[in-house]
């Protein structure tokens, strides 16, 4: 059971890293303020470090993954702008947003 949980955690972190690339590309194309782009890039880099730690078998990578997921949700979910994405219908931005949050909730 523990192996299954670890495999699931790895898959979700890897998915977050890939979705982060899509998110950064979309934000760059939208020309968001540079402070926002760089702060999201910094968060993505932290996810990448955790993913590399998991890929190399480091057990210490799992607690930071949980902290990053909770912090990302705590910062992102209260933002009303993010809910306007869902109201706009199925766009690439809304799908990236929903998929990213689903990977962190699981």
N, C-alpha and C. Protein backbone atom coordinates (compact mmCIF):
# COMPACT_ATOMS: atom_id res chain seq x y z
N UNK A 1 0.82 -1.20 0.00
CA UNK A 1 0.00 0.00 0.00
C UNK A 1 0.87 1.26 0.00
N UNK A 2 1.95 1.23 0.79
CA UNK A 2 2.84 2.38 0.86
C UNK A 2 3.50 2.64 -0.49
N UNK A 3 3.87 1.57 -1.18
CA UNK A 3 4.48 1.74 -2.50
C UNK A 3 3.50 2.40 -3.47
N UNK A 4 2.24 2.01 -3.37
CA UNK A 4 1.22 2.60 -4.24
C UNK A 4 1.04 4.10 -3.95
N UNK A 5 1.05 4.45 -2.68
CA UNK A 5 0.94 5.87 -2.31
C UNK A 5 2.13 6.68 -2.79
N UNK A 6 3.32 6.11 -2.65
CA UNK A 6 4.52 6.80 -3.12
C UNK A 6 4.49 6.97 -4.63
N UNK A 7 4.05 5.94 -5.33
CA UNK A 7 3.97 6.03 -6.80
C UNK A 7 2.95 7.09 -7.22
N UNK A 8 1.83 7.14 -6.50
CA UNK A 8 0.82 8.15 -6.80
C UNK A 8 1.36 9.55 -6.52
N UNK A 9 2.05 9.72 -5.39
CA UNK A 9 2.62 11.02 -5.06
C UNK A 9 3.63 11.45 -6.12
N UNK A 10 4.46 10.53 -6.55
CA UNK A 10 5.43 10.85 -7.60
C UNK A 10 4.72 11.29 -8.88
N UNK A 11 3.72 10.53 -9.27
CA UNK A 11 3.00 10.86 -10.50
C UNK A 11 2.35 12.23 -10.43
N UNK A 12 1.78 12.56 -9.27
CA UNK A 12 1.13 13.86 -9.12
C UNK A 12 2.14 15.00 -9.12
N UNK A 13 3.28 14.80 -8.49
CA UNK A 13 4.32 15.84 -8.51
C UNK A 13 4.86 16.01 -9.93
N UNK A 14 5.10 14.90 -10.62
CA UNK A 14 5.58 15.01 -12.01
C UNK A 14 4.54 15.73 -12.88
N UNK A 15 3.27 15.43 -12.65
CA UNK A 15 2.20 16.11 -13.40
C UNK A 15 2.20 17.61 -13.08
N UNK A 16 2.43 17.96 -11.81
CA UNK A 16 2.49 19.38 -11.43
C UNK A 16 3.63 20.09 -12.13
N UNK A 17 4.76 19.42 -12.27
CA UNK A 17 5.90 20.02 -12.96
C UNK A 17 5.55 20.25 -14.42
N UNK A 18 4.94 19.26 -15.07
CA UNK A 18 4.57 19.42 -16.48
C UNK A 18 3.50 20.49 -16.67
N UNK A 19 2.52 20.49 -15.78
CA UNK A 19 1.48 21.53 -15.86
C UNK A 19 2.07 22.91 -15.59
N UNK A 20 3.09 22.96 -14.75
CA UNK A 20 3.76 24.23 -14.47
C UNK A 20 4.40 24.82 -15.71
N UNK A 21 4.96 23.96 -16.54
CA UNK A 21 5.55 24.43 -17.81
C UNK A 21 4.46 25.04 -18.68
N UNK A 22 3.31 24.35 -18.76
CA UNK A 22 2.20 24.88 -19.56
C UNK A 22 1.70 26.21 -18.98
N UNK A 23 1.60 26.28 -17.67
CA UNK A 23 1.15 27.51 -17.02
C UNK A 23 2.11 28.66 -17.28
N UNK A 24 3.40 28.40 -17.14
CA UNK A 24 4.39 29.47 -17.38
C UNK A 24 4.33 29.96 -18.82
N UNK A 25 4.17 29.05 -19.76
CA UNK A 25 4.07 29.45 -21.17
C UNK A 25 2.84 30.31 -21.41
N UNK A 26 1.72 29.93 -20.79
CA UNK A 26 0.49 30.71 -20.96
C UNK A 26 0.63 32.09 -20.32
N UNK A 27 1.22 32.15 -19.13
CA UNK A 27 1.38 33.44 -18.46
C UNK A 27 2.33 34.35 -19.22
N UNK A 28 3.38 33.77 -19.80
CA UNK A 28 4.30 34.56 -20.60
C UNK A 28 3.58 35.13 -21.82
N UNK A 29 2.75 34.32 -22.46
CA UNK A 29 2.02 34.78 -23.63
C UNK A 29 1.01 35.87 -23.28
N UNK A 30 0.47 35.80 -22.06
CA UNK A 30 -0.50 36.82 -21.62
C UNK A 30 0.17 38.10 -21.13
N UNK A 31 1.48 38.07 -21.03
CA UNK A 31 2.28 39.21 -20.56
C UNK A 31 1.80 39.69 -19.19
N UNK A 32 1.74 38.74 -18.24
CA UNK A 32 1.39 39.11 -16.86
C UNK A 32 2.54 39.93 -16.28
N UNK A 33 2.32 40.64 -15.18
CA UNK A 33 3.40 41.41 -14.57
C UNK A 33 4.60 40.51 -14.24
N UNK A 34 5.78 41.07 -14.39
CA UNK A 34 6.99 40.26 -14.21
C UNK A 34 7.10 39.68 -12.81
N UNK A 35 6.66 40.42 -11.79
CA UNK A 35 6.75 39.89 -10.42
C UNK A 35 5.90 38.63 -10.28
N UNK A 36 4.77 38.57 -10.97
CA UNK A 36 3.91 37.38 -10.91
C UNK A 36 4.55 36.22 -11.64
N UNK A 37 5.07 36.49 -12.81
CA UNK A 37 5.72 35.44 -13.59
C UNK A 37 6.90 34.85 -12.82
N UNK A 38 7.73 35.71 -12.22
CA UNK A 38 8.90 35.23 -11.48
C UNK A 38 8.52 34.49 -10.21
N UNK A 39 7.45 34.91 -9.55
CA UNK A 39 7.05 34.19 -8.34
C UNK A 39 6.51 32.81 -8.69
N UNK A 40 5.79 32.70 -9.79
CA UNK A 40 5.30 31.38 -10.22
C UNK A 40 6.47 30.53 -10.72
N UNK A 41 7.42 31.14 -11.38
CA UNK A 41 8.61 30.42 -11.81
C UNK A 41 9.38 29.88 -10.61
N UNK A 42 9.47 30.66 -9.54
CA UNK A 42 10.16 30.20 -8.33
C UNK A 42 9.43 29.01 -7.71
N UNK A 43 8.11 29.07 -7.65
CA UNK A 43 7.34 27.95 -7.14
C UNK A 43 7.50 26.71 -8.00
N UNK A 44 7.52 26.90 -9.31
CA UNK A 44 7.72 25.78 -10.22
C UNK A 44 9.09 25.16 -10.01
N UNK A 45 10.11 26.00 -9.79
CA UNK A 45 11.46 25.49 -9.55
C UNK A 45 11.50 24.64 -8.28
N UNK A 46 10.75 25.05 -7.25
CA UNK A 46 10.68 24.24 -6.03
C UNK A 46 10.03 22.89 -6.31
N UNK A 47 8.96 22.89 -7.09
CA UNK A 47 8.33 21.62 -7.49
C UNK A 47 9.32 20.75 -8.27
N UNK A 48 10.12 21.38 -9.12
CA UNK A 48 11.11 20.64 -9.90
C UNK A 48 12.15 20.01 -8.99
N UNK A 49 12.61 20.75 -7.98
CA UNK A 49 13.59 20.21 -7.03
C UNK A 49 13.00 19.00 -6.29
N UNK A 50 11.75 19.12 -5.86
CA UNK A 50 11.08 18.01 -5.18
C UNK A 50 10.95 16.81 -6.12
N UNK A 51 10.58 17.07 -7.37
CA UNK A 51 10.44 15.98 -8.35
C UNK A 51 11.76 15.27 -8.58
N UNK A 52 12.85 16.02 -8.66
CA UNK A 52 14.16 15.40 -8.82
C UNK A 52 14.51 14.58 -7.58
N UNK A 53 14.19 15.11 -6.41
CA UNK A 53 14.43 14.36 -5.17
C UNK A 53 13.65 13.05 -5.15
N UNK A 54 12.41 13.09 -5.59
CA UNK A 54 11.61 11.87 -5.64
C UNK A 54 12.15 10.89 -6.68
N UNK A 55 12.56 11.41 -7.81
CA UNK A 55 13.07 10.55 -8.88
C UNK A 55 14.36 9.85 -8.48
N UNK A 56 15.14 10.49 -7.62
CA UNK A 56 16.39 9.89 -7.17
C UNK A 56 16.22 9.06 -5.91
N UNK A 57 14.97 8.90 -5.45
CA UNK A 57 14.71 8.02 -4.32
C UNK A 57 14.91 8.62 -2.95
N UNK A 58 14.95 9.92 -2.86
CA UNK A 58 15.15 10.56 -1.55
C UNK A 58 13.83 10.64 -0.80
N UNK A 59 13.79 10.01 0.34
CA UNK A 59 12.58 9.99 1.17
C UNK A 59 12.24 11.38 1.71
N UNK A 60 13.24 12.23 1.86
CA UNK A 60 13.04 13.57 2.41
C UNK A 60 12.28 14.49 1.45
N UNK A 61 12.04 14.04 0.23
CA UNK A 61 11.34 14.88 -0.74
C UNK A 61 9.83 14.87 -0.54
N UNK A 62 9.31 13.88 0.18
CA UNK A 62 7.86 13.76 0.32
C UNK A 62 7.24 14.84 1.21
N UNK A 63 7.80 15.14 2.39
CA UNK A 63 7.20 16.23 3.20
C UNK A 63 7.18 17.59 2.50
N UNK A 64 8.27 18.00 1.83
CA UNK A 64 8.18 19.29 1.11
C UNK A 64 7.13 19.27 0.00
N UNK A 65 6.89 18.11 -0.61
CA UNK A 65 5.85 18.02 -1.64
C UNK A 65 4.49 18.33 -1.04
N UNK A 66 4.23 17.82 0.15
CA UNK A 66 2.96 18.09 0.82
C UNK A 66 2.85 19.57 1.18
N UNK A 67 3.92 20.15 1.69
CA UNK A 67 3.92 21.56 2.07
C UNK A 67 3.70 22.44 0.83
N UNK A 68 4.38 22.13 -0.26
CA UNK A 68 4.21 22.90 -1.50
C UNK A 68 2.77 22.81 -2.02
N UNK A 69 2.20 21.63 -1.96
CA UNK A 69 0.82 21.47 -2.44
C UNK A 69 -0.15 22.29 -1.61
N UNK A 70 0.00 22.23 -0.29
CA UNK A 70 -0.89 22.99 0.58
C UNK A 70 -0.69 24.49 0.39
N UNK A 71 0.56 24.92 0.28
CA UNK A 71 0.84 26.35 0.09
C UNK A 71 0.27 26.85 -1.24
N UNK A 72 0.42 26.04 -2.29
CA UNK A 72 -0.10 26.43 -3.60
C UNK A 72 -1.62 26.59 -3.56
N UNK A 73 -2.28 25.64 -2.93
CA UNK A 73 -3.74 25.73 -2.82
C UNK A 73 -4.17 26.91 -1.96
N UNK A 74 -3.44 27.15 -0.86
CA UNK A 74 -3.80 28.25 0.04
C UNK A 74 -3.66 29.61 -0.64
N UNK A 75 -2.69 29.74 -1.51
CA UNK A 75 -2.49 31.00 -2.22
C UNK A 75 -3.43 31.14 -3.39
N UNK A 76 -3.66 30.06 -4.10
CA UNK A 76 -4.39 30.13 -5.36
C UNK A 76 -5.91 30.09 -5.22
N UNK A 77 -6.42 29.24 -4.36
CA UNK A 77 -7.87 29.07 -4.29
C UNK A 77 -8.64 30.32 -3.89
N UNK A 78 -8.14 31.18 -2.99
CA UNK A 78 -8.92 32.38 -2.63
C UNK A 78 -8.99 33.46 -3.71
N UNK A 79 -8.26 33.31 -4.79
CA UNK A 79 -8.19 34.36 -5.82
C UNK A 79 -9.44 34.32 -6.72
N UNK A 80 -10.25 35.38 -6.69
CA UNK A 80 -11.48 35.36 -7.51
C UNK A 80 -11.19 35.34 -9.02
N UNK A 81 -10.02 35.82 -9.41
CA UNK A 81 -9.68 35.81 -10.84
C UNK A 81 -9.61 34.38 -11.37
N UNK A 82 -9.21 33.46 -10.51
CA UNK A 82 -9.07 32.08 -10.95
C UNK A 82 -10.43 31.45 -11.24
N UNK A 83 -11.44 31.88 -10.52
CA UNK A 83 -12.77 31.33 -10.76
C UNK A 83 -13.39 31.89 -12.03
N UNK A 84 -12.94 33.06 -12.45
CA UNK A 84 -13.44 33.60 -13.71
C UNK A 84 -12.96 32.75 -14.88
N UNK A 85 -11.84 32.06 -14.71
CA UNK A 85 -11.38 31.14 -15.75
C UNK A 85 -12.40 30.03 -15.97
N UNK A 86 -12.92 29.50 -14.88
CA UNK A 86 -13.90 28.42 -15.00
C UNK A 86 -15.20 28.93 -15.61
N UNK A 87 -15.57 30.17 -15.29
CA UNK A 87 -16.79 30.74 -15.85
C UNK A 87 -16.68 30.98 -17.35
N UNK A 88 -15.45 31.15 -17.84
CA UNK A 88 -15.24 31.43 -19.26
C UNK A 88 -15.44 30.20 -20.13
N UNK A 89 -15.55 29.03 -19.50
CA UNK A 89 -15.75 27.81 -20.27
C UNK A 89 -14.44 27.05 -20.44
N UNK A 90 -14.50 25.97 -21.19
CA UNK A 90 -13.31 25.13 -21.34
C UNK A 90 -12.27 25.74 -22.29
N UNK A 91 -11.34 26.45 -21.71
CA UNK A 91 -10.22 27.01 -22.46
C UNK A 91 -8.95 26.33 -21.99
N UNK A 92 -7.87 26.56 -22.68
CA UNK A 92 -6.59 25.98 -22.26
C UNK A 92 -6.21 26.45 -20.86
N UNK A 93 -6.45 27.73 -20.58
CA UNK A 93 -6.12 28.27 -19.25
C UNK A 93 -6.96 27.62 -18.16
N UNK A 94 -8.25 27.46 -18.40
CA UNK A 94 -9.11 26.86 -17.37
C UNK A 94 -8.78 25.39 -17.17
N UNK A 95 -8.48 24.68 -18.25
CA UNK A 95 -8.11 23.28 -18.13
C UNK A 95 -6.80 23.10 -17.38
N UNK A 96 -5.83 23.98 -17.63
CA UNK A 96 -4.57 23.94 -16.90
C UNK A 96 -4.79 24.21 -15.42
N UNK A 97 -5.63 25.19 -15.13
CA UNK A 97 -5.96 25.54 -13.73
C UNK A 97 -6.61 24.36 -13.01
N UNK A 98 -7.62 23.79 -13.62
CA UNK A 98 -8.34 22.67 -12.98
C UNK A 98 -7.44 21.45 -12.83
N UNK A 99 -6.70 21.11 -13.86
CA UNK A 99 -5.81 19.95 -13.78
C UNK A 99 -4.73 20.15 -12.72
N UNK A 100 -4.20 21.35 -12.64
CA UNK A 100 -3.18 21.63 -11.63
C UNK A 100 -3.70 21.48 -10.22
N UNK A 101 -4.90 21.99 -9.98
CA UNK A 101 -5.47 21.87 -8.65
C UNK A 101 -5.89 20.45 -8.33
N UNK A 102 -6.35 19.73 -9.30
CA UNK A 102 -6.70 18.32 -9.06
C UNK A 102 -5.46 17.52 -8.68
N UNK A 103 -4.33 17.82 -9.31
CA UNK A 103 -3.11 17.09 -8.98
C UNK A 103 -2.62 17.41 -7.57
N UNK A 104 -2.98 18.57 -7.06
CA UNK A 104 -2.56 18.93 -5.71
C UNK A 104 -3.55 18.44 -4.65
N UNK A 105 -4.80 18.31 -5.01
CA UNK A 105 -5.81 17.86 -4.05
C UNK A 105 -5.69 16.37 -3.77
N UNK A 106 -5.26 15.63 -4.76
CA UNK A 106 -5.19 14.17 -4.59
C UNK A 106 -4.03 13.78 -3.77
